[in-house]
Protein backbone atom coordinates (compact mmCIF):
# COMPACT_ATOMS: atom_id res chain seq x y z
CA UNK A 1 71.78 74.89 83.34
CA UNK A 2 70.16 78.03 85.18
CA UNK A 3 73.03 80.45 86.33
CA UNK A 4 71.65 83.21 89.15
CA UNK A 5 74.35 85.75 90.07
CA UNK A 6 73.69 88.25 92.98
CA UNK A 7 74.79 91.22 92.69
CA UNK A 8 75.94 93.49 89.82
CA UNK A 9 79.56 94.60 90.82
CA UNK A 10 82.58 93.93 90.15
CA UNK A 11 82.72 90.47 90.40
CA UNK A 12 79.19 89.61 89.36
CA UNK A 13 79.24 91.59 85.92
CA UNK A 14 82.90 89.79 85.31
CA UNK A 15 81.09 86.54 85.80
CA UNK A 16 78.47 87.28 83.10
CA UNK A 17 80.69 88.38 80.49
CA UNK A 18 82.59 85.05 80.72
CA UNK A 19 79.62 82.89 81.11
CA UNK A 20 77.85 84.61 78.14
CA UNK A 21 81.17 84.14 76.03
CA UNK A 22 80.61 80.42 76.59
CA UNK A 23 76.91 80.31 75.84
CA UNK A 24 75.12 80.57 79.27
CA UNK A 25 72.81 83.34 80.19
CA UNK A 26 72.58 84.37 83.46
CA UNK A 27 70.04 86.37 85.37
CA UNK A 28 71.65 89.33 87.60
CA UNK A 29 69.86 90.20 90.87
CA UNK A 30 70.80 93.83 91.55
CA UNK A 31 69.30 95.07 94.82
CA UNK A 32 70.06 98.65 93.92
CA UNK A 33 68.55 100.96 90.97
CA UNK A 34 71.80 100.70 88.70
CA UNK A 35 75.23 99.02 88.35
CA UNK A 36 77.30 100.85 90.53
CA UNK A 37 74.94 102.70 92.81
CA UNK A 38 76.83 103.86 95.60
CA UNK A 39 78.84 106.81 96.61
CA UNK A 40 81.62 107.96 94.02
CA UNK A 41 85.26 107.46 94.86
CA UNK A 42 88.55 106.70 93.33
CA UNK A 43 90.90 103.83 94.19
CA UNK A 44 93.93 102.45 93.06
CA UNK A 45 94.89 99.23 91.81
CA UNK A 46 98.57 98.80 92.74
CA UNK A 47 101.37 96.44 90.76
CA UNK A 48 102.41 96.10 94.60
CA UNK A 49 99.27 94.03 95.24
CA UNK A 50 98.82 92.21 91.79
CA UNK A 51 102.30 90.79 91.21
CA UNK A 52 103.41 88.89 89.33
CA UNK A 53 100.93 90.32 87.18
CA UNK A 54 102.47 93.92 86.57
CA UNK A 55 99.66 95.57 84.31
CA UNK A 56 96.28 94.30 85.52
CA UNK A 57 94.54 96.26 82.82
CA UNK A 58 96.50 95.11 80.27
CA UNK A 59 96.14 91.24 81.81
CA UNK A 60 92.53 91.74 81.90
CA UNK A 61 92.23 92.47 77.96
CA UNK A 62 94.76 89.90 76.56
CA UNK A 63 93.49 86.94 78.79
CA UNK A 64 90.05 87.55 79.33
CA UNK A 65 88.75 90.24 76.69
CA UNK A 66 87.50 92.31 79.53
CA UNK A 67 88.24 95.98 78.78
CA UNK A 68 88.93 98.59 81.32
CA UNK A 69 89.40 102.42 80.98
CA UNK A 70 91.22 103.25 84.25
CA UNK A 71 91.82 107.36 85.00
CA UNK A 72 95.39 107.39 84.65
CA UNK A 73 98.21 105.48 85.17
CA UNK A 74 100.14 106.23 88.69
CA UNK A 75 103.56 108.08 88.33
CA UNK A 76 104.50 109.41 90.63
CA UNK A 77 103.25 107.64 94.15
CA UNK A 78 104.24 109.88 96.95
CA UNK A 79 104.37 108.59 100.39
CA UNK A 80 104.09 110.54 103.61
CA UNK A 81 105.04 109.69 107.25
CA UNK A 82 104.84 112.31 110.03
CA UNK A 83 108.33 113.76 108.72
CA UNK A 84 109.52 112.19 105.72
CA UNK A 85 108.80 112.36 102.13
CA UNK A 86 109.39 109.96 99.39
CA UNK A 87 108.57 110.22 95.74
CA UNK A 88 108.69 107.03 93.89
CA UNK A 89 108.91 108.03 90.23
CA UNK A 90 107.87 104.74 89.07
CA UNK A 91 104.61 103.16 87.06
CA UNK A 92 102.97 101.32 89.99
CA UNK A 93 99.75 100.82 88.54
CA UNK A 94 96.26 102.74 87.67
CA UNK A 95 93.48 104.86 89.24
CA UNK A 96 90.21 104.19 88.69
CA UNK A 97 86.45 105.21 89.58
CA UNK A 98 84.13 103.47 91.32
CA UNK A 99 80.40 104.17 92.10
CA UNK A 100 77.61 106.26 90.48
CA UNK A 101 79.58 107.67 87.41
CA UNK A 102 79.22 107.20 83.76
CA UNK A 103 83.31 106.03 83.87
CA UNK A 104 83.27 103.71 87.01
CA UNK A 105 84.69 100.58 86.51
CA UNK A 106 81.09 98.84 87.34
CA UNK A 107 79.32 100.95 84.47
CA UNK A 108 82.29 99.73 82.12
CA UNK A 109 81.56 96.16 83.20
CA UNK A 110 77.97 96.51 82.56
CA UNK A 111 78.19 98.13 79.21
CA UNK A 112 79.90 94.66 78.33
CA UNK A 113 77.34 92.30 79.13
CA UNK A 114 74.07 91.65 77.42
CA UNK A 115 72.13 89.49 79.69
CA UNK A 116 69.16 91.52 81.28
CA UNK A 117 69.91 92.73 84.97
CA UNK A 118 67.15 92.95 87.34
CA UNK A 119 67.63 96.47 89.34
CA UNK A 120 65.50 96.97 92.70
CA UNK A 121 65.22 93.01 92.91
CA UNK A 122 64.34 92.12 96.51
CA UNK A 123 65.25 88.00 96.03
CA UNK A 124 66.97 86.08 98.82
CA UNK A 125 69.83 83.60 98.53
CA UNK A 126 67.43 80.96 99.26
CA UNK A 127 64.99 81.74 97.01
CA UNK A 128 67.65 81.53 94.18
CA UNK A 129 68.84 78.18 95.61
CA UNK A 130 65.28 76.85 94.90
CA UNK A 131 65.21 77.97 91.28
CA UNK A 132 68.53 77.73 89.87
CA UNK A 133 71.08 74.73 89.37
CA UNK A 134 74.40 77.61 90.59
CA UNK A 135 74.23 80.90 92.20
CA UNK A 136 77.44 83.36 92.45
CA UNK A 137 77.29 85.32 95.44
CA UNK A 138 78.77 88.99 94.44
CA UNK A 139 76.82 90.76 97.25
CA UNK A 140 79.96 93.27 97.76
CA UNK A 141 79.89 92.39 101.14
CA UNK A 142 80.55 89.51 103.75
CA UNK A 143 76.75 89.49 105.17
CA UNK A 144 75.45 86.57 103.20
CA UNK A 145 78.99 84.67 103.82
CA UNK A 146 78.59 85.35 107.63
CA UNK A 147 75.18 84.18 107.92
CA UNK A 148 76.09 80.78 106.19
CA UNK A 149 78.89 80.67 108.81
CA UNK A 150 81.24 80.09 105.83
CA UNK A 151 83.16 83.55 106.63
CA UNK A 152 86.58 84.48 108.76
CA UNK A 153 86.48 88.21 109.82
CA UNK A 154 89.97 89.50 110.41
CA UNK A 155 89.50 93.51 110.16
CA UNK A 156 86.58 95.74 110.85
CA UNK A 157 87.13 99.41 109.16
CA UNK A 158 85.76 102.84 108.91
CA UNK A 159 86.46 105.37 106.13
CA UNK A 160 85.60 108.60 105.77
CA UNK A 161 85.96 110.49 102.58
CA UNK A 162 85.40 113.01 100.04
CA UNK A 163 85.29 114.73 96.65
CA UNK A 164 87.23 117.87 96.74
CA UNK A 165 87.80 120.58 94.10
CA UNK A 166 91.71 121.85 93.42
CA UNK A 167 94.35 121.77 91.19
CA UNK A 168 96.39 118.24 90.79
CA UNK A 169 97.86 115.96 88.49
CA UNK A 170 95.92 113.11 87.31
CA UNK A 171 98.78 110.60 87.78
CA UNK A 172 100.10 111.43 90.79
CA UNK A 173 98.88 109.54 94.11
CA UNK A 174 99.73 110.63 97.59
CA UNK A 175 99.59 108.22 100.98
CA UNK A 176 100.00 108.90 104.43
CA UNK A 177 101.42 106.47 107.21
CA UNK A 178 101.17 108.68 110.31
CA UNK A 179 99.12 107.55 113.35
CA UNK A 180 98.22 111.42 114.09
CA UNK A 181 95.94 111.15 111.08
CA UNK A 182 95.21 107.68 110.82
CA UNK A 183 96.18 105.40 113.52
CA UNK A 184 97.15 102.31 112.64
CA UNK A 185 95.67 102.94 109.36
CA UNK A 186 96.59 105.39 106.22
CA UNK A 187 94.90 108.38 104.59
CA UNK A 188 95.25 108.96 100.70
CA UNK A 189 94.94 111.37 97.78
CA UNK A 190 93.58 109.99 94.60
CA UNK A 191 92.59 112.50 91.95
CA UNK A 192 89.61 111.60 89.60
CA UNK A 193 90.85 114.56 87.23
CA UNK A 194 93.23 117.88 87.09
CA UNK A 195 90.11 119.40 89.08
CA UNK A 196 88.83 116.75 91.23
CA UNK A 197 90.29 114.55 93.92
CA UNK A 198 89.40 111.78 96.33
CA UNK A 199 90.78 112.38 99.89
CA UNK A 200 89.79 109.49 102.47
CA UNK A 201 90.93 108.41 105.69
CA UNK A 202 90.90 104.82 106.81
CA UNK A 203 91.47 103.45 110.11
CA UNK A 204 90.57 99.95 111.84
CA UNK A 205 87.41 99.96 114.45
CA UNK A 206 89.31 100.31 117.85
CA UNK A 207 86.78 102.09 120.21
CA UNK A 208 83.04 102.16 120.30
CA UNK A 209 83.05 106.23 119.28
CA UNK A 210 83.71 105.26 115.55
CA UNK A 211 81.90 108.17 114.17
CA UNK A 212 83.29 110.63 116.13
CA UNK A 213 86.94 109.66 115.90
CA UNK A 214 86.67 109.04 112.41
CA UNK A 215 85.28 112.50 111.47
CA UNK A 216 88.45 113.93 113.86
CA UNK A 217 90.86 112.28 112.20
CA UNK A 218 89.28 113.15 108.59
CA UNK A 219 89.24 116.76 109.66
CA UNK A 220 92.74 116.60 110.74
CA UNK A 221 93.69 115.25 107.37
CA UNK A 222 91.46 118.08 105.54
CA UNK A 223 93.28 120.50 107.45
CA UNK A 224 96.77 119.07 106.63
CA UNK A 225 95.69 119.13 103.07
CA UNK A 226 94.59 122.35 102.60
CA UNK A 227 97.77 123.42 104.52
CA UNK A 228 100.34 121.04 102.06
CA UNK A 229 98.73 121.88 98.99
CA UNK A 230 97.96 125.64 99.64
CA UNK A 231 94.16 124.85 98.44
CA UNK A 232 90.75 125.80 99.87
CA UNK A 233 89.62 122.07 98.36
CA UNK A 234 86.13 123.21 98.29
CA UNK A 235 84.39 119.75 99.02
CA UNK A 236 81.50 118.64 96.68
CA UNK A 237 80.64 115.39 97.99
CA UNK A 238 81.21 112.93 101.12
CA UNK A 239 81.01 109.70 102.31
CA UNK A 240 81.37 107.54 105.40
CA UNK A 241 81.63 103.46 106.12
CA UNK A 242 81.79 102.32 109.54
CA UNK A 243 82.42 98.47 110.74
CA UNK A 244 83.06 97.32 107.36
CA UNK A 245 83.97 93.72 107.31
CA UNK A 246 87.42 92.70 105.77
CA UNK A 247 88.07 88.82 106.03
CA UNK A 248 87.76 85.86 103.77
CA UNK A 249 85.59 82.90 103.30
CA UNK A 250 86.47 79.41 104.71
CA UNK A 251 85.24 77.81 101.49
CA UNK A 252 85.31 79.60 97.95
CA UNK A 253 82.28 77.09 96.62
CA UNK A 254 79.68 75.20 98.73
CA UNK A 255 77.66 72.93 96.65
CA UNK A 256 76.81 75.06 93.20
CA UNK A 257 77.50 78.35 95.42
CA UNK A 258 80.19 80.30 94.41
CA UNK A 259 81.26 83.23 96.79
CA UNK A 260 83.44 86.03 95.02
CA UNK A 261 84.54 89.79 95.38
CA UNK A 262 84.04 90.47 98.83
CA UNK A 263 81.85 87.58 99.90
CA UNK A 264 85.04 85.70 98.85
CA UNK A 265 87.80 87.87 100.29
CA UNK A 266 88.88 90.01 97.33
CA UNK A 267 89.67 93.34 99.50
CA UNK A 268 93.58 92.90 100.53
CA UNK A 269 93.93 94.15 104.10
CA UNK A 270 97.17 96.12 103.52
CA UNK A 271 95.85 98.99 101.88
CA UNK A 272 92.29 98.18 101.51
CA UNK A 273 91.89 97.94 97.67
CA UNK A 274 90.96 94.68 95.63
CA UNK A 275 89.26 95.36 92.37
CA UNK A 276 91.43 93.25 90.48
CA UNK A 277 91.00 90.21 92.48
CA UNK A 278 87.37 90.92 92.54
CA UNK A 279 87.53 90.70 89.00
CA UNK A 280 89.21 87.48 89.08
CA UNK A 281 86.94 85.77 91.14
CA UNK A 282 84.32 86.37 88.94
CA UNK A 283 86.16 85.18 85.99
CA UNK A 284 87.03 81.97 87.96
CA UNK A 285 83.66 81.13 88.69
CA UNK A 286 82.24 81.34 85.49
CA UNK A 287 84.97 79.00 84.41
CA UNK A 288 84.06 76.53 86.79
CA UNK A 289 80.77 76.73 85.66
CA UNK A 290 81.73 76.18 82.41
CA UNK A 291 83.99 73.26 82.88
CA UNK A 292 87.20 75.50 82.06
CA UNK A 293 88.92 75.22 85.41
CA UNK A 294 88.31 74.37 89.33
CA UNK A 295 87.32 77.22 91.42
CA UNK A 296 89.11 76.45 94.65
CA UNK A 297 92.23 75.91 92.83
CA UNK A 298 91.93 79.00 90.56
CA UNK A 299 91.28 81.05 93.65
CA UNK A 300 94.18 79.22 95.97
CA UNK A 301 96.64 82.15 94.69
CA UNK A 302 94.35 84.83 95.81
CA UNK A 303 93.77 83.27 99.21
CA UNK A 304 97.63 83.13 99.73
CA UNK A 305 97.68 86.94 98.42
CA UNK A 306 95.25 87.48 101.03
CA UNK A 307 96.97 86.13 103.74
CA UNK A 308 100.37 87.72 102.87
CA UNK A 309 98.64 91.35 102.82
CA UNK A 310 96.94 90.33 106.31
CA UNK A 311 100.21 89.91 107.66
CA UNK A 312 101.66 93.40 106.42
CA UNK A 313 98.35 94.93 107.71
CA UNK A 314 99.26 93.70 111.29
CA UNK A 315 102.88 94.73 110.75
CA UNK A 316 101.70 98.14 109.64
CA UNK A 317 99.40 98.17 112.55
CA UNK A 318 102.05 97.88 115.26
CA UNK A 319 104.37 100.53 113.87
CA UNK A 320 104.73 104.03 115.33
CA UNK A 321 105.37 107.02 113.59
CA UNK A 322 109.20 106.85 114.39
CA UNK A 323 109.45 103.45 112.46
CA UNK A 324 107.42 104.92 109.49
CA UNK A 325 109.65 107.68 109.53
CA UNK A 326 112.65 104.93 109.09
CA UNK A 327 110.71 103.01 106.24
CA UNK A 328 109.55 105.98 104.52
CA UNK A 329 113.02 107.67 104.47
CA UNK A 330 114.47 104.31 103.23
CA UNK A 331 112.11 103.92 100.26
CA UNK A 332 113.92 106.71 98.47
CA UNK A 333 116.66 103.85 97.85
CA UNK A 334 116.94 100.26 97.42
CA UNK A 335 113.73 99.42 99.12
CA UNK A 336 111.68 101.54 97.20
CA UNK A 337 113.24 100.22 94.04
CA UNK A 338 112.50 96.68 95.18
CA UNK A 339 108.95 97.46 96.07
CA UNK A 340 107.70 99.57 93.04
CA UNK A 341 109.99 98.79 89.97
CA UNK A 342 108.27 96.65 87.73
CA UNK A 343 108.98 93.08 88.00
CA UNK A 344 107.96 89.50 87.91
CA UNK A 345 108.79 88.99 91.68
CA UNK A 346 106.26 89.09 94.17
CA UNK A 347 106.97 91.76 97.15
CA UNK A 348 103.77 91.30 99.00
CA UNK A 349 105.23 87.43 99.31
CA UNK A 350 108.57 88.37 101.35
CA UNK A 351 107.54 91.35 102.87
CA UNK A 352 105.25 89.60 104.94
CA UNK A 353 108.04 87.15 105.48
CA UNK A 354 110.02 89.79 106.98
CA UNK A 355 106.91 90.94 108.83
CA UNK A 356 106.05 87.71 110.51
CA UNK A 357 108.16 87.95 113.76
CA UNK A 358 106.90 91.22 114.52
CA UNK A 359 103.19 90.57 114.29
């Protein structure tokens, strides 16, 4: 058995860790110069999106012996609309670093892999098919899945973000649902530390003038934050992504090719994060290759979560600022407790059912 992994990101490296544990040494091909060779940004791993698993960091450690160190747990999470602010004082998940940083999830996973990673590798999927018995497609985007006519695109988004210096509470994450700042999308602030934070605006691609529009929205958000926090927020790094495809593969496996991570559809459309799901797809692909389960069956719950998340995203896109004010105000009470209080229930599922009539 010869296994190739195309991509040294979250899903590819997770697959390698499991394969090695069961005696299979994969060959890992990465087109960039290092694991996590991309812009640095902060992300949130929210239990709202991983239920019924409440603590994904603990779950990965105990169930799969994959060990990750987040930036911080999240408590509180502050949700803003145009005129309302709600503070949720619950442990709602974790924050983590992605990209060119020694503490990024990619770097942490790479340190747990013993197989050689071939960096700056210019290889094609077709070449790998000829030389290997199994291919794990973990390229970090949907380009190959689209090329193979195995992908349903549901959303195209643009993001603009920056690293800023200031004074922050490491465990405090803020989210904005405000069509003036991010129409049909969202904006957020996630600290890297007590002195640095990542601020991002994410909007669906609705016009042909994406570059100009996303910049205008981001500048508006940046000005609001400076006023809201009463800080100058010096920018030390920036990134922008346009026309990023969010969707899901039609078939998780074709022959002996396994689609993982964003090739699979691991990004949850509702809030755009999918680290936990990406890692699980890599684990499940390795399980199938090692004869420990069937990839289609193992990933079926992830496909259902994706559909629930997509419905919520469509529902969110239909709301105006008055509706956001109404919802955010009520998160101070019963609704907030049901959504964010740790439990074995899956709020994503029942929220999607409530949203269906409006989508």
